[in-house]
């Protein structure tokens, strides 16, 4: 199973970006998809997760500005990022937890850089 993330880049404070992450390979069902981020010198932290059926969870620091969504037919998760702040600068990683022929496993994408700067 592979996760391919895209959509990062450089944006000014107050701007917007949309990240995408598509899962491919032999996965029967994806239970949870999410986004994490890691800023320089800091630990990786949860940004948002989507467990289907409207069950989402966000870090307090992004509530009201970032929105996670899924397209289950495409095994893709999105992160719409609005009103971006310099503190949002980090490498963003997508994550998926689901069922394969080997049982339940967690998978990570390669990361995409988001830089918020004027």
C-alpha atoms as a PDB file:
ATOM      1  CA  UNK A   1       0.000   0.000   0.000  1.00  0.00           C
ATOM      2  CA  UNK A   2       1.334   3.427  -0.956  1.00  0.00           C
ATOM      3  CA  UNK A   3       0.161   6.902  -0.022  1.00  0.00           C
ATOM      4  CA  UNK A   4       1.002   9.719  -2.426  1.00  0.00           C
ATOM      5  CA  UNK A   5       0.607  13.239  -1.061  1.00  0.00           C
ATOM      6  CA  UNK A   6       0.584  16.433  -3.092  1.00  0.00           C
ATOM      7  CA  UNK A   7      -0.444  20.069  -2.926  1.00  0.00           C
ATOM      8  CA  UNK A   8       2.130  21.619  -0.635  1.00  0.00           C
ATOM      9  CA  UNK A   9       3.971  24.807  -1.382  1.00  0.00           C
ATOM     10  CA  UNK A  10       4.738  28.370  -0.342  1.00  0.00           C
ATOM     11  CA  UNK A  11       1.846  30.630   0.589  1.00  0.00           C
ATOM     12  CA  UNK A  12       1.513  34.016   2.264  1.00  0.00           C
ATOM     13  CA  UNK A  13      -0.131  34.363   5.675  1.00  0.00           C
ATOM     14  CA  UNK A  14      -3.902  34.335   5.283  1.00  0.00           C
ATOM     15  CA  UNK A  15      -3.670  32.280   2.110  1.00  0.00           C
ATOM     16  CA  UNK A  16      -5.019  28.841   1.251  1.00  0.00           C
ATOM     17  CA  UNK A  17      -3.740  25.485   0.098  1.00  0.00           C
ATOM     18  CA  UNK A  18      -5.367  22.143  -0.574  1.00  0.00           C
ATOM     19  CA  UNK A  19      -3.482  18.937   0.134  1.00  0.00           C
ATOM     20  CA  UNK A  20      -4.418  15.608  -1.428  1.00  0.00           C
ATOM     21  CA  UNK A  21      -3.343  12.083  -0.584  1.00  0.00           C
ATOM     22  CA  UNK A  22      -4.287   9.020  -2.595  1.00  0.00           C
ATOM     23  CA  UNK A  23      -3.896   5.458  -1.352  1.00  0.00           C
ATOM     24  CA  UNK A  24      -3.093   2.700  -3.810  1.00  0.00           C
ATOM     25  CA  UNK A  25      -2.357  -0.996  -3.595  1.00  0.00           C
ATOM     26  CA  UNK A  26      -4.042  -4.016  -2.088  1.00  0.00           C
ATOM     27  CA  UNK A  27      -6.113  -2.527   0.668  1.00  0.00           C
ATOM     28  CA  UNK A  28      -9.633  -3.861   1.240  1.00  0.00           C
ATOM     29  CA  UNK A  29     -10.973  -1.104   3.447  1.00  0.00           C
ATOM     30  CA  UNK A  30      -9.581   2.120   4.866  1.00  0.00           C
ATOM     31  CA  UNK A  31     -11.066   2.841   8.286  1.00  0.00           C
ATOM     32  CA  UNK A  32      -9.277   6.076   9.111  1.00  0.00           C
ATOM     33  CA  UNK A  33      -7.413   8.621   7.019  1.00  0.00           C
ATOM     34  CA  UNK A  34      -5.710  11.645   8.419  1.00  0.00           C
ATOM     35  CA  UNK A  35      -3.064  14.312   8.320  1.00  0.00           C
ATOM     36  CA  UNK A  36      -0.179  14.905  10.681  1.00  0.00           C
ATOM     37  CA  UNK A  37       2.557  17.511  10.563  1.00  0.00           C
ATOM     38  CA  UNK A  38       6.074  17.992  11.826  1.00  0.00           C
ATOM     39  CA  UNK A  39       7.718  21.371  12.161  1.00  0.00           C
ATOM     40  CA  UNK A  40      11.518  21.739  12.476  1.00  0.00           C
ATOM     41  CA  UNK A  41      12.677  20.758  15.941  1.00  0.00           C
ATOM     42  CA  UNK A  42       9.225  19.530  16.981  1.00  0.00           C
ATOM     43  CA  UNK A  43       7.499  16.181  17.248  1.00  0.00           C
ATOM     44  CA  UNK A  44       4.986  15.007  14.698  1.00  0.00           C
ATOM     45  CA  UNK A  45       1.474  16.023  15.722  1.00  0.00           C
ATOM     46  CA  UNK A  46      -2.068  15.251  14.697  1.00  0.00           C
ATOM     47  CA  UNK A  47      -3.738  17.810  12.433  1.00  0.00           C
ATOM     48  CA  UNK A  48      -7.017  16.103  11.509  1.00  0.00           C
ATOM     49  CA  UNK A  49      -8.451  12.616  11.063  1.00  0.00           C
ATOM     50  CA  UNK A  50     -11.563  11.292   9.356  1.00  0.00           C
ATOM     51  CA  UNK A  51     -13.036   7.950  10.429  1.00  0.00           C
ATOM     52  CA  UNK A  52     -15.985   8.052   8.013  1.00  0.00           C
ATOM     53  CA  UNK A  53     -19.652   8.657   8.828  1.00  0.00           C
ATOM     54  CA  UNK A  54     -18.911  12.248   9.737  1.00  0.00           C
ATOM     55  CA  UNK A  55     -16.504  11.334  12.493  1.00  0.00           C
ATOM     56  CA  UNK A  56     -13.690  13.855  12.347  1.00  0.00           C
ATOM     57  CA  UNK A  57     -11.232  15.180  14.876  1.00  0.00           C
ATOM     58  CA  UNK A  58      -9.039  18.270  14.681  1.00  0.00           C
ATOM     59  CA  UNK A  59      -6.168  19.744  16.620  1.00  0.00           C
ATOM     60  CA  UNK A  60      -7.375  22.783  18.548  1.00  0.00           C
ATOM     61  CA  UNK A  61      -4.871  24.979  16.715  1.00  0.00           C
ATOM     62  CA  UNK A  62      -6.490  24.319  13.320  1.00  0.00           C
ATOM     63  CA  UNK A  63     -10.199  24.211  14.162  1.00  0.00           C
ATOM     64  CA  UNK A  64     -12.204  26.555  11.983  1.00  0.00           C
ATOM     65  CA  UNK A  65      -9.381  26.983   9.468  1.00  0.00           C
ATOM     66  CA  UNK A  66      -8.529  23.505   8.165  1.00  0.00           C
ATOM     67  CA  UNK A  67     -11.076  20.995   6.897  1.00  0.00           C
ATOM     68  CA  UNK A  68     -10.515  17.305   6.232  1.00  0.00           C
ATOM     69  CA  UNK A  69     -12.604  15.355   3.732  1.00  0.00           C
ATOM     70  CA  UNK A  70     -12.520  11.981   1.987  1.00  0.00           C
ATOM     71  CA  UNK A  71     -13.441  10.481  -1.338  1.00  0.00           C
ATOM     72  CA  UNK A  72     -13.806   6.803  -0.490  1.00  0.00           C
ATOM     73  CA  UNK A  73     -14.348   5.794  -4.103  1.00  0.00           C
ATOM     74  CA  UNK A  74     -10.846   7.116  -4.852  1.00  0.00           C
ATOM     75  CA  UNK A  75      -9.265   6.197  -1.503  1.00  0.00           C
ATOM     76  CA  UNK A  76      -8.254   9.843  -1.251  1.00  0.00           C
ATOM     77  CA  UNK A  77      -8.151  12.257   1.647  1.00  0.00           C
ATOM     78  CA  UNK A  78      -7.989  16.034   1.345  1.00  0.00           C
ATOM     79  CA  UNK A  79      -7.011  18.859   3.662  1.00  0.00           C
ATOM     80  CA  UNK A  80      -8.387  22.273   2.782  1.00  0.00           C
ATOM     81  CA  UNK A  81      -6.227  24.829   4.539  1.00  0.00           C
ATOM     82  CA  UNK A  82      -7.547  28.384   4.863  1.00  0.00           C
ATOM     83  CA  UNK A  83      -6.361  31.421   6.821  1.00  0.00           C
ATOM     84  CA  UNK A  84      -2.898  29.937   7.031  1.00  0.00           C
ATOM     85  CA  UNK A  85      -0.462  31.182   9.650  1.00  0.00           C
ATOM     86  CA  UNK A  86       3.333  30.991   9.863  1.00  0.00           C
ATOM     87  CA  UNK A  87       2.873  28.451  12.687  1.00  0.00           C
ATOM     88  CA  UNK A  88       1.302  26.097  10.131  1.00  0.00           C
ATOM     89  CA  UNK A  89       4.688  25.739   8.425  1.00  0.00           C
ATOM     90  CA  UNK A  90       5.660  22.067   8.543  1.00  0.00           C
ATOM     91  CA  UNK A  91       5.985  18.880   6.560  1.00  0.00           C
ATOM     92  CA  UNK A  92       2.510  17.392   6.294  1.00  0.00           C
ATOM     93  CA  UNK A  93       2.122  13.608   6.256  1.00  0.00           C
ATOM     94  CA  UNK A  94      -0.963  11.667   5.322  1.00  0.00           C
ATOM     95  CA  UNK A  95      -1.860   8.521   7.202  1.00  0.00           C
ATOM     96  CA  UNK A  96      -4.205   5.615   6.611  1.00  0.00           C
ATOM     97  CA  UNK A  97      -5.337   2.760   8.835  1.00  0.00           C
ATOM     98  CA  UNK A  98      -7.067  -0.106   7.139  1.00  0.00           C
ATOM     99  CA  UNK A  99      -7.454  -3.764   6.303  1.00  0.00           C
ATOM    100  CA  UNK A 100      -5.168  -5.607   3.888  1.00  0.00           C
ATOM    101  CA  UNK A 101      -4.538  -9.285   3.265  1.00  0.00           C
ATOM    102  CA  UNK A 102      -2.100  -9.211   6.189  1.00  0.00           C
ATOM    103  CA  UNK A 103      -4.577  -7.723   8.623  1.00  0.00           C
ATOM    104  CA  UNK A 104      -4.964  -4.169   9.909  1.00  0.00           C
ATOM    105  CA  UNK A 105      -2.004  -1.854   9.369  1.00  0.00           C
ATOM    106  CA  UNK A 106      -1.038   1.810   9.417  1.00  0.00           C
ATOM    107  CA  UNK A 107       0.563   3.475   6.414  1.00  0.00           C
ATOM    108  CA  UNK A 108       2.296   6.834   5.930  1.00  0.00           C
ATOM    109  CA  UNK A 109       2.831   9.031   2.911  1.00  0.00           C
ATOM    110  CA  UNK A 110       6.137  10.669   2.037  1.00  0.00           C
ATOM    111  CA  UNK A 111       5.254  14.134   3.293  1.00  0.00           C
ATOM    112  CA  UNK A 112       4.668  17.422   1.542  1.00  0.00           C
ATOM    113  CA  UNK A 113       6.178  20.743   2.636  1.00  0.00           C
ATOM    114  CA  UNK A 114       3.901  23.637   3.526  1.00  0.00           C
ATOM    115  CA  UNK A 115       5.591  26.993   4.115  1.00  0.00           C
ATOM    116  CA  UNK A 116       3.614  30.028   5.245  1.00  0.00           C
ATOM    117  CA  UNK A 117       5.688  33.161   4.887  1.00  0.00           C
ATOM    118  CA  UNK A 118       5.530  36.656   3.518  1.00  0.00           C
END
